[in-house]
Amino acid sequence: MSKKNYLATIVCDPRGADGSTDEMIPMLSEIIRETDGEVTKVQSQGSHEFSYPQKKNLKSGIYIQFDIKGDPQMPSRLKEKLKLEKKVDRVLIECR
């Protein structure tokens, strides 16, 4: 099966001591590898306020972008796995 390139933007909850970007990147990279994805590039976009907050007490998030190579089913497996992470608020995966 051929591998495709994806851009995954993951928004993390900045609240709490266990949510710094330095700690989140290795943890998220490991989750991507567990779903048969290959991380080719990671870029921290920093903290941004939401235009439309979904949760009353969460007004901003830390944006991290991953360039990923994987099979066509990898994005759905990754989204399912990230739903279980408490620090992950939003996930957007697009094909490049």
PDB file of N, CA and C in Angstrom:
ATOM      1  N   MET A   1       0.843  -1.172   0.000  1.00  0.00           N
ATOM      2  CA  MET A   1       0.000   0.000   0.000  1.00  0.00           C
ATOM      3  C   MET A   1       0.893   1.240   0.000  1.00  0.00           C
ATOM      4  N   SER A   2       0.514   2.227  -0.774  1.00  0.00           N
ATOM      5  CA  SER A   2       1.342   3.427  -0.874  1.00  0.00           C
ATOM      6  C   SER A   2       1.099   4.354   0.315  1.00  0.00           C
ATOM      7  N   LYS A   3       2.154   5.037   0.688  1.00  0.00           N
ATOM      8  CA  LYS A   3       2.054   5.979   1.798  1.00  0.00           C
ATOM      9  C   LYS A   3       1.732   7.364   1.250  1.00  0.00           C
ATOM     10  N   LYS A   4       0.936   8.104   2.017  1.00  0.00           N
ATOM     11  CA  LYS A   4       0.574   9.465   1.654  1.00  0.00           C
ATOM     12  C   LYS A   4       1.149  10.427   2.684  1.00  0.00           C
ATOM     13  N   ASN A   5       1.244  11.687   2.303  1.00  0.00           N
ATOM     14  CA  ASN A   5       1.707  12.725   3.216  1.00  0.00           C
ATOM     15  C   ASN A   5       0.503  13.433   3.826  1.00  0.00           C
ATOM     16  N   TYR A   6       0.575  13.664   5.139  1.00  0.00           N
ATOM     17  CA  TYR A   6      -0.503  14.323   5.867  1.00  0.00           C
ATOM     18  C   TYR A   6       0.070  15.453   6.723  1.00  0.00           C
ATOM     19  N   LEU A   7      -0.761  16.450   6.961  1.00  0.00           N
ATOM     20  CA  LEU A   7      -0.441  17.514   7.910  1.00  0.00           C
ATOM     21  C   LEU A   7      -1.453  17.409   9.036  1.00  0.00           C
ATOM     22  N   ALA A   8      -0.973  17.115  10.238  1.00  0.00           N
ATOM     23  CA  ALA A   8      -1.843  16.988  11.404  1.00  0.00           C
ATOM     24  C   ALA A   8      -1.610  18.175  12.322  1.00  0.00           C
ATOM     25  N   THR A   9      -2.672  18.912  12.596  1.00  0.00           N
ATOM     26  CA  THR A   9      -2.618  20.010  13.556  1.00  0.00           C
ATOM     27  C   THR A   9      -3.353  19.537  14.804  1.00  0.00           C
ATOM     28  N   ILE A  10      -2.625  19.495  15.903  1.00  0.00           N
ATOM     29  CA  ILE A  10      -3.184  19.009  17.161  1.00  0.00           C
ATOM     30  C   ILE A  10      -3.181  20.171  18.151  1.00  0.00           C
ATOM     31  N   VAL A  11      -4.340  20.437  18.739  1.00  0.00           N
ATOM     32  CA  VAL A  11      -4.482  21.519  19.713  1.00  0.00           C
ATOM     33  C   VAL A  11      -4.552  20.893  21.091  1.00  0.00           C
ATOM     34  N   CYS A  12      -3.640  21.321  21.965  1.00  0.00           N
ATOM     35  CA  CYS A  12      -3.544  20.762  23.319  1.00  0.00           C
ATOM     36  C   CYS A  12      -4.018  21.776  24.350  1.00  0.00           C
ATOM     37  N   ASP A  13      -4.541  21.263  25.435  1.00  0.00           N
ATOM     38  CA  ASP A  13      -5.002  22.065  26.568  1.00  0.00           C
ATOM     39  C   ASP A  13      -3.774  22.569  27.326  1.00  0.00           C
ATOM     40  N   PRO A  14      -3.586  23.881  27.450  1.00  0.00           N
ATOM     41  CA  PRO A  14      -2.393  24.412  28.118  1.00  0.00           C
ATOM     42  C   PRO A  14      -2.456  24.386  29.640  1.00  0.00           C
ATOM     43  N   ARG A  15      -3.605  24.061  30.210  1.00  0.00           N
ATOM     44  CA  ARG A  15      -3.754  24.093  31.671  1.00  0.00           C
ATOM     45  C   ARG A  15      -3.072  22.887  32.299  1.00  0.00           C
ATOM     46  N   GLY A  16      -2.535  23.089  33.482  1.00  0.00           N
ATOM     47  CA  GLY A  16      -1.914  21.989  34.221  1.00  0.00           C
ATOM     48  C   GLY A  16      -0.411  21.920  33.981  1.00  0.00           C
ATOM     49  N   ALA A  17       0.285  21.309  34.911  1.00  0.00           N
ATOM     50  CA  ALA A  17       1.747  21.232  34.845  1.00  0.00           C
ATOM     51  C   ALA A  17       2.237  20.200  33.846  1.00  0.00           C
ATOM     52  N   ASP A  18       1.392  19.193  33.531  1.00  0.00           N
ATOM     53  CA  ASP A  18       1.850  18.122  32.661  1.00  0.00           C
ATOM     54  C   ASP A  18       1.564  18.393  31.184  1.00  0.00           C
ATOM     55  N   GLY A  19       1.321  19.645  30.822  1.00  0.00           N
ATOM     56  CA  GLY A  19       0.944  19.940  29.457  1.00  0.00           C
ATOM     57  C   GLY A  19       1.881  20.842  28.692  1.00  0.00           C
ATOM     58  N   SER A  20       3.146  20.939  29.086  1.00  0.00           N
ATOM     59  CA  SER A  20       4.046  21.813  28.356  1.00  0.00           C
ATOM     60  C   SER A  20       4.343  21.220  26.980  1.00  0.00           C
ATOM     61  N   THR A  21       4.680  22.073  26.038  1.00  0.00           N
ATOM     62  CA  THR A  21       4.948  21.645  24.669  1.00  0.00           C
ATOM     63  C   THR A  21       6.104  20.664  24.614  1.00  0.00           C
ATOM     64  N   ASP A  22       7.136  20.886  25.427  1.00  0.00           N
ATOM     65  CA  ASP A  22       8.295  19.992  25.429  1.00  0.00           C
ATOM     66  C   ASP A  22       7.917  18.565  25.835  1.00  0.00           C
ATOM     67  N   GLU A  23       6.903  18.419  26.660  1.00  0.00           N
ATOM     68  CA  GLU A  23       6.453  17.099  27.082  1.00  0.00           C
ATOM     69  C   GLU A  23       5.430  16.509  26.113  1.00  0.00           C
ATOM     70  N   MET A  24       4.643  17.368  25.464  1.00  0.00           N
ATOM     71  CA  MET A  24       3.582  16.894  24.581  1.00  0.00           C
ATOM     72  C   MET A  24       4.121  16.356  23.249  1.00  0.00           C
ATOM     73  N   ILE A  25       5.139  16.987  22.688  1.00  0.00           N
ATOM     74  CA  ILE A  25       5.656  16.579  21.374  1.00  0.00           C
ATOM     75  C   ILE A  25       6.141  15.128  21.371  1.00  0.00           C
ATOM     76  N   PRO A  26       6.986  14.693  22.324  1.00  0.00           N
ATOM     77  CA  PRO A  26       7.401  13.285  22.301  1.00  0.00           C
ATOM     78  C   PRO A  26       6.238  12.315  22.522  1.00  0.00           C
ATOM     79  N   MET A  27       5.296  12.677  23.380  1.00  0.00           N
ATOM     80  CA  MET A  27       4.156  11.814  23.646  1.00  0.00           C
ATOM     81  C   MET A  27       3.275  11.679  22.400  1.00  0.00           C
ATOM     82  N   LEU A  28       3.009  12.790  21.718  1.00  0.00           N
ATOM     83  CA  LEU A  28       2.193  12.749  20.504  1.00  0.00           C
ATOM     84  C   LEU A  28       2.920  12.033  19.369  1.00  0.00           C
ATOM     85  N   SER A  29       4.232  12.222  19.266  1.00  0.00           N
ATOM     86  CA  SER A  29       5.016  11.529  18.240  1.00  0.00           C
ATOM     87  C   SER A  29       4.957  10.017  18.436  1.00  0.00           C
ATOM     88  N   GLU A  30       4.991   9.581  19.687  1.00  0.00           N
ATOM     89  CA  GLU A  30       4.900   8.146  19.983  1.00  0.00           C
ATOM     90  C   GLU A  30       3.524   7.595  19.596  1.00  0.00           C
ATOM     91  N   ILE A  31       2.472   8.352  19.853  1.00  0.00           N
ATOM     92  CA  ILE A  31       1.124   7.924  19.470  1.00  0.00           C
ATOM     93  C   ILE A  31       1.023   7.797  17.949  1.00  0.00           C
ATOM     94  N   ILE A  32       1.626   8.737  17.234  1.00  0.00           N
ATOM     95  CA  ILE A  32       1.617   8.678  15.766  1.00  0.00           C
ATOM     96  C   ILE A  32       2.354   7.430  15.283  1.00  0.00           C
ATOM     97  N   ARG A  33       3.488   7.118  15.891  1.00  0.00           N
ATOM     98  CA  ARG A  33       4.235   5.903  15.512  1.00  0.00           C
ATOM     99  C   ARG A  33       3.431   4.640  15.824  1.00  0.00           C
ATOM    100  N   GLU A  34       2.673   4.646  16.916  1.00  0.00           N
ATOM    101  CA  GLU A  34       1.847   3.493  17.282  1.00  0.00           C
ATOM    102  C   GLU A  34       0.739   3.232  16.262  1.00  0.00           C
ATOM    103  N   THR A  35       0.307   4.269  15.556  1.00  0.00           N
ATOM    104  CA  THR A  35      -0.735   4.110  14.540  1.00  0.00           C
ATOM    105  C   THR A  35      -0.133   3.944  13.149  1.00  0.00           C
ATOM    106  N   ASP A  36       1.123   3.521  13.083  1.00  0.00           N
ATOM    107  CA  ASP A  36       1.847   3.256  11.835  1.00  0.00           C
ATOM    108  C   ASP A  36       2.098   4.506  11.007  1.00  0.00           C
ATOM    109  N   GLY A  37       2.240   5.641  11.665  1.00  0.00           N
ATOM    110  CA  GLY A  37       2.599   6.887  10.986  1.00  0.00           C
ATOM    111  C   GLY A  37       4.073   7.183  11.190  1.00  0.00           C
ATOM    112  N   GLU A  38       4.651   7.899  10.243  1.00  0.00           N
ATOM    113  CA  GLU A  38       6.061   8.281  10.325  1.00  0.00           C
ATOM    114  C   GLU A  38       6.137   9.803  10.389  1.00  0.00           C
ATOM    115  N   VAL A  39       6.632  10.331  11.513  1.00  0.00           N
ATOM    116  CA  VAL A  39       6.744  11.777  11.696  1.00  0.00           C
ATOM    117  C   VAL A  39       7.976  12.265  10.939  1.00  0.00           C
ATOM    118  N   THR A  40       7.766  13.198  10.000  1.00  0.00           N
ATOM    119  CA  THR A  40       8.889  13.735   9.235  1.00  0.00           C
ATOM    120  C   THR A  40       9.285  15.133   9.698  1.00  0.00           C
ATOM    121  N   LYS A  41       8.349  15.859  10.319  1.00  0.00           N
ATOM    122  CA  LYS A  41       8.653  17.214  10.784  1.00  0.00           C
ATOM    123  C   LYS A  41       7.659  17.592  11.876  1.00  0.00           C
ATOM    124  N   VAL A  42       8.143  18.303  12.895  1.00  0.00           N
ATOM    125  CA  VAL A  42       7.289  18.790  13.984  1.00  0.00           C
ATOM    126  C   VAL A  42       7.533  20.284  14.131  1.00  0.00           C
ATOM    127  N   GLN A  43       6.451  21.037  14.283  1.00  0.00           N
ATOM    128  CA  GLN A  43       6.578  22.482  14.448  1.00  0.00           C
ATOM    129  C   GLN A  43       5.570  22.958  15.482  1.00  0.00           C
ATOM    130  N   SER A  44       6.063  23.602  16.534  1.00  0.00           N
ATOM    131  CA  SER A  44       5.184  24.165  17.549  1.00  0.00           C
ATOM    132  C   SER A  44       4.730  25.547  17.076  1.00  0.00           C
ATOM    133  N   GLN A  45       3.417  25.741  17.045  1.00  0.00           N
ATOM    134  CA  GLN A  45       2.844  27.008  16.591  1.00  0.00           C
ATOM    135  C   GLN A  45       2.564  27.962  17.750  1.00  0.00           C
ATOM    136  N   GLY A  46       2.782  27.508  18.974  1.00  0.00           N
ATOM    137  CA  GLY A  46       2.563  28.345  20.144  1.00  0.00           C
ATOM    138  C   GLY A  46       1.113  28.358  20.588  1.00  0.00           C
ATOM    139  N   SER A  47       0.811  29.230  21.512  1.00  0.00           N
ATOM    140  CA  SER A  47      -0.525  29.319  22.081  1.00  0.00           C
ATOM    141  C   SER A  47      -1.342  30.382  21.344  1.00  0.00           C
ATOM    142  N   HIS A  48      -2.586  30.038  21.026  1.00  0.00           N
ATOM    143  CA  HIS A  48      -3.488  30.971  20.343  1.00  0.00           C
ATOM    144  C   HIS A  48      -4.861  30.903  21.007  1.00  0.00           C
ATOM    145  N   GLU A  49      -5.544  32.058  21.025  1.00  0.00           N
ATOM    146  CA  GLU A  49      -6.899  32.089  21.565  1.00  0.00           C
ATOM    147  C   GLU A  49      -7.870  31.591  20.501  1.00  0.00           C
ATOM    148  N   PHE A  50      -8.928  30.900  20.944  1.00  0.00           N
ATOM    149  CA  PHE A  50      -9.942  30.389  20.039  1.00  0.00           C
ATOM    150  C   PHE A  50     -10.915  31.491  19.656  1.00  0.00           C
ATOM    151  N   SER A  51     -11.330  31.525  18.401  1.00  0.00           N
ATOM    152  CA  SER A  51     -12.375  32.453  17.971  1.00  0.00           C
ATOM    153  C   SER A  51     -13.719  32.029  18.546  1.00  0.00           C
ATOM    154  N   TYR A  52     -13.940  30.711  18.554  1.00  0.00           N
ATOM    155  CA  TYR A  52     -15.183  30.150  19.070  1.00  0.00           C
ATOM    156  C   TYR A  52     -14.854  29.044  20.071  1.00  0.00           C
ATOM    157  N   PRO A  53     -14.680  29.401  21.347  1.00  0.00           N
ATOM    158  CA  PRO A  53     -14.370  28.373  22.352  1.00  0.00           C
ATOM    159  C   PRO A  53     -15.493  27.355  22.466  1.00  0.00           C
ATOM    160  N   GLN A  54     -15.134  26.068  22.501  1.00  0.00           N
ATOM    161  CA  GLN A  54     -16.125  25.011  22.645  1.00  0.00           C
ATOM    162  C   GLN A  54     -16.414  24.724  24.116  1.00  0.00           C
ATOM    163  N   LYS A  55     -15.449  25.008  24.957  1.00  0.00           N
ATOM    164  CA  LYS A  55     -15.614  24.795  26.397  1.00  0.00           C
ATOM    165  C   LYS A  55     -15.545  26.151  27.089  1.00  0.00           C
ATOM    166  N   LYS A  56     -16.385  26.336  28.067  1.00  0.00           N
ATOM    167  CA  LYS A  56     -16.494  27.629  28.740  1.00  0.00           C
ATOM    168  C   LYS A  56     -15.182  28.058  29.413  1.00  0.00           C
ATOM    169  N   ASN A  57     -14.467  27.128  30.005  1.00  0.00           N
ATOM    170  CA  ASN A  57     -13.261  27.468  30.759  1.00  0.00           C
ATOM    171  C   ASN A  57     -11.972  27.272  29.957  1.00  0.00           C
ATOM    172  N   LEU A  58     -12.064  26.970  28.648  1.00  0.00           N
ATOM    173  CA  LEU A  58     -10.882  26.789  27.814  1.00  0.00           C
ATOM    174  C   LEU A  58     -10.948  27.781  26.655  1.00  0.00           C
ATOM    175  N   LYS A  59     -10.193  28.873  26.771  1.00  0.00           N
ATOM    176  CA  LYS A  59     -10.261  29.953  25.791  1.00  0.00           C
ATOM    177  C   LYS A  59      -9.089  29.971  24.821  1.00  0.00           C
ATOM    178  N   SER A  60      -8.044  29.151  25.086  1.00  0.00           N
ATOM    179  CA  SER A  60      -6.888  29.100  24.185  1.00  0.00           C
ATOM    180  C   SER A  60      -6.300  27.694  24.199  1.00  0.00           C
ATOM    181  N   GLY A  61      -5.411  27.444  23.237  1.00  0.00           N
ATOM    182  CA  GLY A  61      -4.781  26.141  23.148  1.00  0.00           C
ATOM    183  C   GLY A  61      -3.392  26.244  22.540  1.00  0.00           C
ATOM    184  N   ILE A  62      -2.598  25.214  22.732  1.00  0.00           N
ATOM    185  CA  ILE A  62      -1.256  25.136  22.161  1.00  0.00           C
ATOM    186  C   ILE A  62      -1.356  24.334  20.868  1.00  0.00           C
ATOM    187  N   TYR A  63      -0.951  24.939  19.767  1.00  0.00           N
ATOM    188  CA  TYR A  63      -1.039  24.314  18.452  1.00  0.00           C
ATOM    189  C   TYR A  63       0.301  23.668  18.097  1.00  0.00           C
ATOM    190  N   ILE A  64       0.252  22.392  17.700  1.00  0.00           N
ATOM    191  CA  ILE A  64       1.447  21.664  17.278  1.00  0.00           C
ATOM    192  C   ILE A  64       1.130  21.018  15.933  1.00  0.00           C
ATOM    193  N   GLN A  65       2.021  21.223  14.932  1.00  0.00           N
ATOM    194  CA  GLN A  65       1.818  20.639  13.611  1.00  0.00           C
ATOM    195  C   GLN A  65       2.824  19.531  13.365  1.00  0.00           C
ATOM    196  N   PHE A  66       2.324  18.427  12.819  1.00  0.00           N
ATOM    197  CA  PHE A  66       3.153  17.275  12.482  1.00  0.00           C
ATOM    198  C   PHE A  66       3.012  16.980  10.994  1.00  0.00           C
ATOM    199  N   ASP A  67       4.122  16.847  10.282  1.00  0.00           N
ATOM    200  CA  ASP A  67       4.114  16.302   8.927  1.00  0.00           C
ATOM    201  C   ASP A  67       4.275  14.800   9.096  1.00  0.00           C
ATOM    202  N   ILE A  68       3.341  14.035   8.514  1.00  0.00           N
ATOM    203  CA  ILE A  68       3.281  12.591   8.743  1.00  0.00           C
ATOM    204  C   ILE A  68       3.176  11.861   7.410  1.00  0.00           C
ATOM    205  N   LYS A  69       3.825  10.703   7.331  1.00  0.00           N
ATOM    206  CA  LYS A  69       3.635   9.782   6.215  1.00  0.00           C
ATOM    207  C   LYS A  69       2.926   8.553   6.760  1.00  0.00           C
ATOM    208  N   GLY A  70       1.922   8.077   6.018  1.00  0.00           N
ATOM    209  CA  GLY A  70       1.213   6.892   6.474  1.00  0.00           C
ATOM    210  C   GLY A  70       0.243   6.376   5.437  1.00  0.00           C
ATOM    211  N   ASP A  71      -0.324   5.219   5.709  1.00  0.00           N
ATOM    212  CA  ASP A  71      -1.281   4.628   4.791  1.00  0.00           C
ATOM    213  C   ASP A  71      -2.614   5.375   4.886  1.00  0.00           C
ATOM    214  N   PRO A  72      -3.529   5.160   3.952  1.00  0.00           N
ATOM    215  CA  PRO A  72      -4.794   5.906   3.946  1.00  0.00           C
ATOM    216  C   PRO A  72      -5.672   5.720   5.182  1.00  0.00           C
ATOM    217  N   GLN A  73      -5.511   4.629   5.935  1.00  0.00           N
ATOM    218  CA  GLN A  73      -6.320   4.419   7.142  1.00  0.00           C
ATOM    219  C   GLN A  73      -5.681   5.023   8.393  1.00  0.00           C
ATOM    220  N   MET A  74      -4.438   5.462   8.309  1.00  0.00           N
ATOM    221  CA  MET A  74      -3.724   6.002   9.467  1.00  0.00           C
ATOM    222  C   MET A  74      -4.423   7.208  10.097  1.00  0.00           C
ATOM    223  N   PRO A  75      -4.968   8.182   9.330  1.00  0.00           N
ATOM    224  CA  PRO A  75      -5.631   9.324   9.977  1.00  0.00           C
ATOM    225  C   PRO A  75      -6.803   8.927  10.874  1.00  0.00           C
ATOM    226  N   SER A  76      -7.613   7.986  10.442  1.00  0.00           N
ATOM    227  CA  SER A  76      -8.756   7.590  11.281  1.00  0.00           C
ATOM    228  C   SER A  76      -8.283   6.865  12.535  1.00  0.00           C
ATOM    229  N   ARG A  77      -7.241   6.024  12.416  1.00  0.00           N
ATOM    230  CA  ARG A  77      -6.697   5.344  13.611  1.00  0.00           C
ATOM    231  C   ARG A  77      -6.112   6.367  14.578  1.00  0.00           C
ATOM    232  N   LEU A  78      -5.426   7.377  14.032  1.00  0.00           N
ATOM    233  CA  LEU A  78      -4.809   8.405  14.875  1.00  0.00           C
ATOM    234  C   LEU A  78      -5.876   9.218  15.617  1.00  0.00           C
ATOM    235  N   LYS A  79      -6.932   9.606  14.930  1.00  0.00           N
ATOM    236  CA  LYS A  79      -8.004  10.373  15.582  1.00  0.00           C
ATOM    237  C   LYS A  79      -8.638   9.579  16.715  1.00  0.00           C
ATOM    238  N   GLU A  80      -8.875   8.294  16.490  1.00  0.00           N
ATOM    239  CA  GLU A  80      -9.463   7.446  17.535  1.00  0.00           C
ATOM    240  C   GLU A  80      -8.545   7.351  18.745  1.00  0.00           C
ATOM    241  N   LYS A  81      -7.256   7.216  18.507  1.00  0.00           N
ATOM    242  CA  LYS A  81      -6.278   7.106  19.596  1.00  0.00           C
ATOM    243  C   LYS A  81      -6.185   8.431  20.373  1.00  0.00           C
ATOM    244  N   LEU A  82      -6.214   9.564  19.655  1.00  0.00           N
ATOM    245  CA  LEU A  82      -6.082  10.868  20.309  1.00  0.00           C
ATOM    246  C   LEU A  82      -7.333  11.253  21.102  1.00  0.00           C
ATOM    247  N   LYS A  83      -8.476  10.664  20.786  1.00  0.00           N
ATOM    248  CA  LYS A  83      -9.691  10.930  21.569  1.00  0.00           C
ATOM    249  C   LYS A  83      -9.524  10.503  23.022  1.00  0.00           C
ATOM    250  N   LEU A  84      -8.635   9.551  23.258  1.00  0.00           N
ATOM    251  CA  LEU A  84      -8.423   9.026  24.607  1.00  0.00           C
ATOM    252  C   LEU A  84      -7.489   9.896  25.447  1.00  0.00           C
ATOM    253  N   GLU A  85      -6.783  10.823  24.801  1.00  0.00           N
ATOM    254  CA  GLU A  85      -5.837  11.687  25.512  1.00  0.00           C
ATOM    255  C   GLU A  85      -6.563  12.892  26.111  1.00  0.00           C
ATOM    256  N   LYS A  86      -6.411  13.094  27.407  1.00  0.00           N
ATOM    257  CA  LYS A  86      -7.090  14.188  28.102  1.00  0.00           C
ATOM    258  C   LYS A  86      -6.566  15.558  27.692  1.00  0.00           C
ATOM    259  N   LYS A  87      -5.288  15.664  27.376  1.00  0.00           N
ATOM    260  CA  LYS A  87      -4.680  16.960  27.059  1.00  0.00           C
ATOM    261  C   LYS A  87      -4.938  17.401  25.616  1.00  0.00           C
ATOM    262  N   VAL A  88      -5.431  16.520  24.761  1.00  0.00           N
ATOM    263  CA  VAL A  88      -5.708  16.865  23.364  1.00  0.00           C
ATOM    264  C   VAL A  88      -7.130  17.387  23.261  1.00  0.00           C
ATOM    265  N   ASP A  89      -7.266  18.619  22.752  1.00  0.00           N
ATOM    266  CA  ASP A  89      -8.587  19.241  22.636  1.00  0.00           C
ATOM    267  C   ASP A  89      -9.167  19.081  21.226  1.00  0.00           C
ATOM    268  N   ARG A  90      -8.348  19.313  20.200  1.00  0.00           N
ATOM    269  CA  ARG A  90      -8.825  19.256  18.818  1.00  0.00           C
ATOM    270  C   ARG A  90      -7.778  18.649  17.916  1.00  0.00           C
ATOM    271  N   VAL A  91      -8.238  17.990  16.838  1.00  0.00           N
ATOM    272  CA  VAL A  91      -7.337  17.356  15.880  1.00  0.00           C
ATOM    273  C   VAL A  91      -7.843  17.638  14.471  1.00  0.00           C
ATOM    274  N   LEU A  92      -6.946  18.097  13.600  1.00  0.00           N
ATOM    275  CA  LEU A  92      -7.264  18.310  12.193  1.00  0.00           C
ATOM    276  C   LEU A  92      -6.182  17.616  11.378  1.00  0.00           C
ATOM    277  N   ILE A  93      -6.578  16.682  10.517  1.00  0.00           N
ATOM    278  CA  ILE A  93      -5.612  15.968   9.668  1.00  0.00           C
ATOM    279  C   ILE A  93      -6.038  16.174   8.229  1.00  0.00           C
ATOM    280  N   GLU A  94      -5.122  16.694   7.420  1.00  0.00           N
ATOM    281  CA  GLU A  94      -5.419  16.909   6.010  1.00  0.00           C
ATOM    282  C   GLU A  94      -4.355  16.262   5.147  1.00  0.00           C
ATOM    283  N   CYS A  95      -4.777  15.790   3.983  1.00  0.00           N
ATOM    284  CA  CYS A  95      -3.866  15.140   3.045  1.00  0.00           C
ATOM    285  C   CYS A  95      -3.135  16.235   2.269  1.00  0.00           C
ATOM    286  N   ARG A  96      -1.854  16.015   2.020  1.00  0.00           N
ATOM    287  CA  ARG A  96      -1.067  16.995   1.273  1.00  0.00           C
ATOM    288  C   ARG A  96      -0.864  16.559  -0.140  1.00  0.00           C
TER     289      ARG A  96
END
